[in-house]
């Protein structure tokens, strides 16, 4: 997902979830909002250093050691089946 779309989705979540008092007081909304702030801030080294290291480590895993993709993966779509 492009970064721009991710940031748009995060802004939309915060705008819609924070419209009402019930939404703002929801524990789940607060947890997700706090995580979004941490994740989006590239200056937060306590979050991004280990995450970036894990991404680099997974890039070094040889393809032949990974399991084959399931056959149904190619049939997954965002469209509804109705």
PDB file of N, CA and C in Angstrom:
ATOM      1  N   UNK A   1       0.850  -1.169   0.000  1.00  0.00           N
ATOM      2  CA  UNK A   1       0.000   0.000   0.000  1.00  0.00           C
ATOM      3  C   UNK A   1       0.899   1.237   0.000  1.00  0.00           C
ATOM      4  N   UNK A   2       0.623   2.178  -0.881  1.00  0.00           N
ATOM      5  CA  UNK A   2       1.411   3.415  -0.873  1.00  0.00           C
ATOM      6  C   UNK A   2       1.226   4.179   0.445  1.00  0.00           C
ATOM      7  N   UNK A   3       2.273   4.862   0.861  1.00  0.00           N
ATOM      8  CA  UNK A   3       2.230   5.600   2.127  1.00  0.00           C
ATOM      9  C   UNK A   3       1.097   6.608   2.168  1.00  0.00           C
ATOM     10  N   UNK A   4       0.852   7.278   1.046  1.00  0.00           N
ATOM     11  CA  UNK A   4      -0.196   8.307   1.014  1.00  0.00           C
ATOM     12  C   UNK A   4      -1.554   7.711   1.361  1.00  0.00           C
ATOM     13  N   UNK A   5      -1.857   6.545   0.798  1.00  0.00           N
ATOM     14  CA  UNK A   5      -3.144   5.904   1.076  1.00  0.00           C
ATOM     15  C   UNK A   5      -3.231   5.467   2.535  1.00  0.00           C
ATOM     16  N   UNK A   6      -2.120   4.999   3.079  1.00  0.00           N
ATOM     17  CA  UNK A   6      -2.113   4.600   4.483  1.00  0.00           C
ATOM     18  C   UNK A   6      -2.416   5.790   5.381  1.00  0.00           C
ATOM     19  N   UNK A   7      -1.752   6.920   5.123  1.00  0.00           N
ATOM     20  CA  UNK A   7      -1.991   8.111   5.933  1.00  0.00           C
ATOM     21  C   UNK A   7      -3.418   8.632   5.753  1.00  0.00           C
ATOM     22  N   UNK A   8      -3.973   8.522   4.556  1.00  0.00           N
ATOM     23  CA  UNK A   8      -5.366   8.929   4.331  1.00  0.00           C
ATOM     24  C   UNK A   8      -6.313   8.038   5.126  1.00  0.00           C
ATOM     25  N   UNK A   9      -6.041   6.736   5.128  1.00  0.00           N
ATOM     26  CA  UNK A   9      -6.884   5.798   5.877  1.00  0.00           C
ATOM     27  C   UNK A   9      -6.794   6.068   7.373  1.00  0.00           C
ATOM     28  N   UNK A  10      -5.590   6.378   7.865  1.00  0.00           N
ATOM     29  CA  UNK A  10      -5.434   6.688   9.290  1.00  0.00           C
ATOM     30  C   UNK A  10      -6.188   7.962   9.656  1.00  0.00           C
ATOM     31  N   UNK A  11      -6.119   8.973   8.798  1.00  0.00           N
ATOM     32  CA  UNK A  11      -6.828  10.231   9.062  1.00  0.00           C
ATOM     33  C   UNK A  11      -8.339  10.007   9.059  1.00  0.00           C
ATOM     34  N   UNK A  12      -8.804   9.188   8.123  1.00  0.00           N
ATOM     35  CA  UNK A  12     -10.239   8.897   8.045  1.00  0.00           C
ATOM     36  C   UNK A  12     -10.699   8.147   9.296  1.00  0.00           C
ATOM     37  N   UNK A  13      -9.898   7.179   9.752  1.00  0.00           N
ATOM     38  CA  UNK A  13     -10.230   6.430  10.963  1.00  0.00           C
ATOM     39  C   UNK A  13     -10.351   7.366  12.155  1.00  0.00           C
ATOM     40  N   UNK A  14      -9.382   8.254  12.291  1.00  0.00           N
ATOM     41  CA  UNK A  14      -9.392   9.176  13.427  1.00  0.00           C
ATOM     42  C   UNK A  14     -10.572  10.144  13.346  1.00  0.00           C
ATOM     43  N   UNK A  15     -10.867  10.624  12.136  1.00  0.00           N
ATOM     44  CA  UNK A  15     -11.969  11.571  11.950  1.00  0.00           C
ATOM     45  C   UNK A  15     -13.314  10.913  12.256  1.00  0.00           C
ATOM     46  N   UNK A  16     -13.527   9.718  11.719  1.00  0.00           N
ATOM     47  CA  UNK A  16     -14.814   9.042  11.915  1.00  0.00           C
ATOM     48  C   UNK A  16     -14.951   8.531  13.345  1.00  0.00           C
ATOM     49  N   UNK A  17     -13.897   7.929  13.873  1.00  0.00           N
ATOM     50  CA  UNK A  17     -13.955   7.381  15.231  1.00  0.00           C
ATOM     51  C   UNK A  17     -14.032   8.443  16.302  1.00  0.00           C
ATOM     52  N   UNK A  18     -13.494   9.626  16.022  1.00  0.00           N
ATOM     53  CA  UNK A  18     -13.470  10.679  17.022  1.00  0.00           C
ATOM     54  C   UNK A  18     -14.634  11.648  16.937  1.00  0.00           C
ATOM     55  N   UNK A  19     -15.605  11.354  16.082  1.00  0.00           N
ATOM     56  CA  UNK A  19     -16.755  12.264  15.926  1.00  0.00           C
ATOM     57  C   UNK A  19     -17.649  12.302  17.142  1.00  0.00           C
ATOM     58  N   UNK A  20     -17.826  11.167  17.782  1.00  0.00           N
ATOM     59  CA  UNK A  20     -18.761  11.100  18.904  1.00  0.00           C
ATOM     60  C   UNK A  20     -18.006  10.890  20.209  1.00  0.00           C
ATOM     61  N   UNK A  21     -18.690  11.178  21.295  1.00  0.00           N
ATOM     62  CA  UNK A  21     -18.096  10.972  22.614  1.00  0.00           C
ATOM     63  C   UNK A  21     -17.869   9.488  22.871  1.00  0.00           C
ATOM     64  N   UNK A  22     -18.813   8.651  22.406  1.00  0.00           N
ATOM     65  CA  UNK A  22     -18.668   7.205  22.589  1.00  0.00           C
ATOM     66  C   UNK A  22     -17.457   6.689  21.824  1.00  0.00           C
ATOM     67  N   UNK A  23     -17.238   7.236  20.641  1.00  0.00           N
ATOM     68  CA  UNK A  23     -16.082   6.814  19.853  1.00  0.00           C
ATOM     69  C   UNK A  23     -14.781   7.205  20.512  1.00  0.00           C
ATOM     70  N   UNK A  24     -14.712   8.417  21.016  1.00  0.00           N
ATOM     71  CA  UNK A  24     -13.488   8.900  21.678  1.00  0.00           C
ATOM     72  C   UNK A  24     -13.191   8.156  22.964  1.00  0.00           C
ATOM     73  N   UNK A  25     -14.226   7.710  23.641  1.00  0.00           N
ATOM     74  CA  UNK A  25     -14.006   7.033  24.916  1.00  0.00           C
ATOM     75  C   UNK A  25     -13.784   5.536  24.752  1.00  0.00           C
ATOM     76  N   UNK A  26     -13.903   5.016  23.540  1.00  0.00           N
ATOM     77  CA  UNK A  26     -13.705   3.599  23.287  1.00  0.00           C
ATOM     78  C   UNK A  26     -12.232   3.234  23.505  1.00  0.00           C
ATOM     79  N   UNK A  27     -12.009   2.187  24.286  1.00  0.00           N
ATOM     80  CA  UNK A  27     -10.651   1.746  24.584  1.00  0.00           C
ATOM     81  C   UNK A  27      -9.958   1.284  23.303  1.00  0.00           C
ATOM     82  N   UNK A  28     -10.661   0.549  22.469  1.00  0.00           N
ATOM     83  CA  UNK A  28     -10.073   0.066  21.227  1.00  0.00           C
ATOM     84  C   UNK A  28      -9.678   1.219  20.310  1.00  0.00           C
ATOM     85  N   UNK A  29     -10.528   2.238  20.220  1.00  0.00           N
ATOM     86  CA  UNK A  29     -10.205   3.414  19.414  1.00  0.00           C
ATOM     87  C   UNK A  29      -8.943   4.103  19.934  1.00  0.00           C
ATOM     88  N   UNK A  30      -8.831   4.219  21.239  1.00  0.00           N
ATOM     89  CA  UNK A  30      -7.652   4.862  21.827  1.00  0.00           C
ATOM     90  C   UNK A  30      -6.380   4.065  21.565  1.00  0.00           C
ATOM     91  N   UNK A  31      -6.468   2.738  21.679  1.00  0.00           N
ATOM     92  CA  UNK A  31      -5.294   1.888  21.447  1.00  0.00           C
ATOM     93  C   UNK A  31      -4.843   1.985  19.991  1.00  0.00           C
ATOM     94  N   UNK A  32      -5.788   1.875  19.062  1.00  0.00           N
ATOM     95  CA  UNK A  32      -5.445   1.936  17.641  1.00  0.00           C
ATOM     96  C   UNK A  32      -4.907   3.316  17.285  1.00  0.00           C
ATOM     97  N   UNK A  33      -5.510   4.370  17.811  1.00  0.00           N
ATOM     98  CA  UNK A  33      -5.039   5.732  17.541  1.00  0.00           C
ATOM     99  C   UNK A  33      -3.615   5.944  18.067  1.00  0.00           C
ATOM    100  N   UNK A  34      -3.344   5.446  19.264  1.00  0.00           N
ATOM    101  CA  UNK A  34      -1.999   5.591  19.835  1.00  0.00           C
ATOM    102  C   UNK A  34      -0.979   4.820  18.998  1.00  0.00           C
ATOM    103  N   UNK A  35      -1.342   3.627  18.561  1.00  0.00           N
ATOM    104  CA  UNK A  35      -0.432   2.842  17.736  1.00  0.00           C
ATOM    105  C   UNK A  35      -0.186   3.530  16.393  1.00  0.00           C
ATOM    106  N   UNK A  36      -1.216   4.138  15.828  1.00  0.00           N
ATOM    107  CA  UNK A  36      -1.060   4.859  14.556  1.00  0.00           C
ATOM    108  C   UNK A  36      -0.066   6.006  14.712  1.00  0.00           C
ATOM    109  N   UNK A  37      -0.161   6.737  15.812  1.00  0.00           N
ATOM    110  CA  UNK A  37       0.765   7.855  16.033  1.00  0.00           C
ATOM    111  C   UNK A  37       2.210   7.370  16.126  1.00  0.00           C
ATOM    112  N   UNK A  38       2.416   6.287  16.854  1.00  0.00           N
ATOM    113  CA  UNK A  38       3.761   5.733  17.011  1.00  0.00           C
ATOM    114  C   UNK A  38       4.285   5.238  15.672  1.00  0.00           C
ATOM    115  N   UNK A  39       3.460   4.511  14.945  1.00  0.00           N
ATOM    116  CA  UNK A  39       3.865   3.921  13.680  1.00  0.00           C
ATOM    117  C   UNK A  39       4.170   4.984  12.624  1.00  0.00           C
ATOM    118  N   UNK A  40       3.417   6.048  12.591  1.00  0.00           N
ATOM    119  CA  UNK A  40       3.578   7.071  11.561  1.00  0.00           C
ATOM    120  C   UNK A  40       4.760   7.997  11.827  1.00  0.00           C
ATOM    121  N   UNK A  41       5.217   8.075  13.062  1.00  0.00           N
ATOM    122  CA  UNK A  41       6.317   8.975  13.421  1.00  0.00           C
ATOM    123  C   UNK A  41       7.652   8.281  13.185  1.00  0.00           C
ATOM    124  N   UNK A  42       8.344   8.610  12.086  1.00  0.00           N
ATOM    125  CA  UNK A  42       9.623   7.979  11.758  1.00  0.00           C
ATOM    126  C   UNK A  42      10.727   8.392  12.730  1.00  0.00           C
ATOM    127  N   UNK A  43      10.524   9.420  13.518  1.00  0.00           N
ATOM    128  CA  UNK A  43      11.522   9.838  14.510  1.00  0.00           C
ATOM    129  C   UNK A  43      11.488   8.992  15.777  1.00  0.00           C
ATOM    130  N   UNK A  44      10.480   8.149  15.914  1.00  0.00           N
ATOM    131  CA  UNK A  44      10.349   7.298  17.090  1.00  0.00           C
ATOM    132  C   UNK A  44      11.252   6.074  16.918  1.00  0.00           C
ATOM    133  N   UNK A  45      12.474   6.168  17.412  1.00  0.00           N
ATOM    134  CA  UNK A  45      13.460   5.104  17.220  1.00  0.00           C
ATOM    135  C   UNK A  45      13.126   3.842  17.999  1.00  0.00           C
ATOM    136  N   UNK A  46      12.449   3.958  19.139  1.00  0.00           N
ATOM    137  CA  UNK A  46      12.116   2.776  19.932  1.00  0.00           C
ATOM    138  C   UNK A  46      11.191   1.836  19.171  1.00  0.00           C
ATOM    139  N   UNK A  47      10.413   2.350  18.258  1.00  0.00           N
ATOM    140  CA  UNK A  47       9.530   1.528  17.444  1.00  0.00           C
ATOM    141  C   UNK A  47      10.208   1.133  16.139  1.00  0.00           C
ATOM    142  N   UNK A  48      10.786   2.100  15.437  1.00  0.00           N
ATOM    143  CA  UNK A  48      11.227   1.868  14.069  1.00  0.00           C
ATOM    144  C   UNK A  48      12.552   1.125  13.936  1.00  0.00           C
ATOM    145  N   UNK A  49      13.469   1.238  14.872  1.00  0.00           N
ATOM    146  CA  UNK A  49      14.739   0.519  14.750  1.00  0.00           C
ATOM    147  C   UNK A  49      14.509  -0.991  14.751  1.00  0.00           C
ATOM    148  N   UNK A  50      13.812  -1.566  15.731  1.00  0.00           N
ATOM    149  CA  UNK A  50      13.600  -3.021  15.680  1.00  0.00           C
ATOM    150  C   UNK A  50      12.736  -3.456  14.493  1.00  0.00           C
ATOM    151  N   UNK A  51      11.752  -2.657  14.141  1.00  0.00           N
ATOM    152  CA  UNK A  51      10.891  -3.015  13.010  1.00  0.00           C
ATOM    153  C   UNK A  51      11.687  -3.012  11.708  1.00  0.00           C
ATOM    154  N   UNK A  52      12.509  -1.992  11.502  1.00  0.00           N
ATOM    155  CA  UNK A  52      13.331  -1.926  10.293  1.00  0.00           C
ATOM    156  C   UNK A  52      14.335  -3.078  10.241  1.00  0.00           C
ATOM    157  N   UNK A  53      14.892  -3.458  11.396  1.00  0.00           N
ATOM    158  CA  UNK A  53      15.807  -4.599  11.440  1.00  0.00           C
ATOM    159  C   UNK A  53      15.100  -5.899  11.070  1.00  0.00           C
ATOM    160  N   UNK A  54      13.876  -6.070  11.549  1.00  0.00           N
ATOM    161  CA  UNK A  54      13.120  -7.274  11.205  1.00  0.00           C
ATOM    162  C   UNK A  54      12.806  -7.325   9.711  1.00  0.00           C
ATOM    163  N   UNK A  55      12.479  -6.186   9.132  1.00  0.00           N
ATOM    164  CA  UNK A  55      12.195  -6.145   7.695  1.00  0.00           C
ATOM    165  C   UNK A  55      13.448  -6.517   6.908  1.00  0.00           C
ATOM    166  N   UNK A  56      14.588  -5.965   7.289  1.00  0.00           N
ATOM    167  CA  UNK A  56      15.845  -6.301   6.606  1.00  0.00           C
ATOM    168  C   UNK A  56      16.184  -7.781   6.767  1.00  0.00           C
ATOM    169  N   UNK A  57      15.938  -8.324   7.957  1.00  0.00           N
ATOM    170  CA  UNK A  57      16.230  -9.743   8.201  1.00  0.00           C
ATOM    171  C   UNK A  57      15.341 -10.639   7.336  1.00  0.00           C
ATOM    172  N   UNK A  58      14.068 -10.304   7.226  1.00  0.00           N
ATOM    173  CA  UNK A  58      13.179 -11.134   6.412  1.00  0.00           C
ATOM    174  C   UNK A  58      13.492 -11.019   4.925  1.00  0.00           C
ATOM    175  N   UNK A  59      14.091  -9.909   4.498  1.00  0.00           N
ATOM    176  CA  UNK A  59      14.500  -9.774   3.097  1.00  0.00           C
ATOM    177  C   UNK A  59      15.629 -10.738   2.746  1.00  0.00           C
ATOM    178  N   UNK A  60      16.364 -11.195   3.748  1.00  0.00           N
ATOM    179  CA  UNK A  60      17.506 -12.081   3.507  1.00  0.00           C
ATOM    180  C   UNK A  60      17.134 -13.560   3.522  1.00  0.00           C
ATOM    181  N   UNK A  61      15.899 -13.889   3.794  1.00  0.00           N
ATOM    182  CA  UNK A  61      15.480 -15.288   3.811  1.00  0.00           C
ATOM    183  C   UNK A  61      15.411 -15.780   2.364  1.00  0.00           C
ATOM    184  N   UNK A  62      16.122 -16.859   2.044  1.00  0.00           N
ATOM    185  CA  UNK A  62      16.073 -17.368   0.665  1.00  0.00           C
ATOM    186  C   UNK A  62      14.671 -17.856   0.296  1.00  0.00           C
ATOM    187  N   UNK A  63      14.264 -17.592  -0.934  1.00  0.00           N
ATOM    188  CA  UNK A  63      12.927 -17.974  -1.388  1.00  0.00           C
ATOM    189  C   UNK A  63      12.702 -19.482  -1.298  1.00  0.00           C
ATOM    190  N   UNK A  64      13.731 -20.265  -1.533  1.00  0.00           N
ATOM    191  CA  UNK A  64      13.558 -21.716  -1.555  1.00  0.00           C
ATOM    192  C   UNK A  64      13.241 -22.281  -0.183  1.00  0.00           C
ATOM    193  N   UNK A  65      13.528 -21.520   0.899  1.00  0.00           N
ATOM    194  CA  UNK A  65      13.228 -22.004   2.249  1.00  0.00           C
ATOM    195  C   UNK A  65      11.787 -21.711   2.663  1.00  0.00           C
ATOM    196  N   UNK A  66      11.121 -20.861   1.928  1.00  0.00           N
ATOM    197  CA  UNK A  66       9.749 -20.486   2.264  1.00  0.00           C
ATOM    198  C   UNK A  66       8.768 -21.499   1.686  1.00  0.00           C
ATOM    199  N   UNK A  67       7.633 -21.716   2.359  1.00  0.00           N
ATOM    200  CA  UNK A  67       6.640 -22.649   1.810  1.00  0.00           C
ATOM    201  C   UNK A  67       6.020 -22.090   0.534  1.00  0.00           C
ATOM    202  N   UNK A  68       5.493 -22.985  -0.286  1.00  0.00           N
ATOM    203  CA  UNK A  68       4.834 -22.567  -1.521  1.00  0.00           C
ATOM    204  C   UNK A  68       3.525 -21.877  -1.182  1.00  0.00           C
ATOM    205  N   UNK A  69       3.098 -20.965  -2.068  1.00  0.00           N
ATOM    206  CA  UNK A  69       1.836 -20.261  -1.861  1.00  0.00           C
ATOM    207  C   UNK A  69       0.683 -21.242  -2.038  1.00  0.00           C
ATOM    208  N   UNK A  70      -0.366 -21.126  -1.224  1.00  0.00           N
ATOM    209  CA  UNK A  70      -1.539 -21.972  -1.408  1.00  0.00           C
ATOM    210  C   UNK A  70      -2.202 -21.660  -2.751  1.00  0.00           C
ATOM    211  N   UNK A  71      -2.870 -22.634  -3.321  1.00  0.00           N
ATOM    212  CA  UNK A  71      -3.483 -22.454  -4.643  1.00  0.00           C
ATOM    213  C   UNK A  71      -4.627 -21.439  -4.619  1.00  0.00           C
ATOM    214  N   UNK A  72      -5.271 -21.254  -3.480  1.00  0.00           N
ATOM    215  CA  UNK A  72      -6.426 -20.360  -3.412  1.00  0.00           C
ATOM    216  C   UNK A  72      -6.037 -18.883  -3.346  1.00  0.00           C
ATOM    217  N   UNK A  73      -4.767 -18.562  -3.141  1.00  0.00           N
ATOM    218  CA  UNK A  73      -4.335 -17.177  -2.981  1.00  0.00           C
ATOM    219  C   UNK A  73      -4.663 -16.345  -4.214  1.00  0.00           C
ATOM    220  N   UNK A  74      -4.539 -16.928  -5.396  1.00  0.00           N
ATOM    221  CA  UNK A  74      -4.816 -16.191  -6.629  1.00  0.00           C
ATOM    222  C   UNK A  74      -6.276 -15.832  -6.808  1.00  0.00           C
ATOM    223  N   UNK A  75      -7.153 -16.479  -6.052  1.00  0.00           N
ATOM    224  CA  UNK A  75      -8.593 -16.225  -6.179  1.00  0.00           C
ATOM    225  C   UNK A  75      -9.112 -15.203  -5.178  1.00  0.00           C
ATOM    226  N   UNK A  76      -8.284 -14.748  -4.266  1.00  0.00           N
ATOM    227  CA  UNK A  76      -8.695 -13.774  -3.253  1.00  0.00           C
ATOM    228  C   UNK A  76      -8.830 -12.409  -3.902  1.00  0.00           C
ATOM    229  N   UNK A  77      -9.935 -11.739  -3.607  1.00  0.00           N
ATOM    230  CA  UNK A  77     -10.189 -10.411  -4.179  1.00  0.00           C
ATOM    231  C   UNK A  77     -10.886  -9.550  -3.144  1.00  0.00           C
ATOM    232  N   UNK A  78     -10.875  -8.258  -3.372  1.00  0.00           N
ATOM    233  CA  UNK A  78     -11.548  -7.327  -2.458  1.00  0.00           C
ATOM    234  C   UNK A  78     -13.032  -7.236  -2.764  1.00  0.00           C
ATOM    235  N   UNK A  79     -13.455  -7.744  -3.918  1.00  0.00           N
ATOM    236  CA  UNK A  79     -14.867  -7.649  -4.316  1.00  0.00           C
ATOM    237  C   UNK A  79     -15.713  -8.631  -3.503  1.00  0.00           C
ATOM    238  N   UNK A  80     -16.954  -8.232  -3.213  1.00  0.00           N
ATOM    239  CA  UNK A  80     -17.836  -9.118  -2.472  1.00  0.00           C
ATOM    240  C   UNK A  80     -18.328 -10.240  -3.376  1.00  0.00           C
ATOM    241  N   UNK A  81     -18.748 -11.334  -2.774  1.00  0.00           N
ATOM    242  CA  UNK A  81     -19.198 -12.485  -3.549  1.00  0.00           C
ATOM    243  C   UNK A  81     -20.702 -12.504  -3.760  1.00  0.00           C
ATOM    244  N   UNK A  82     -21.375 -11.453  -3.373  1.00  0.00           N
ATOM    245  CA  UNK A  82     -22.846 -11.398  -3.508  1.00  0.00           C
ATOM    246  C   UNK A  82     -23.283 -11.477  -4.942  1.00  0.00           C
TER     247      UNK A  82
END
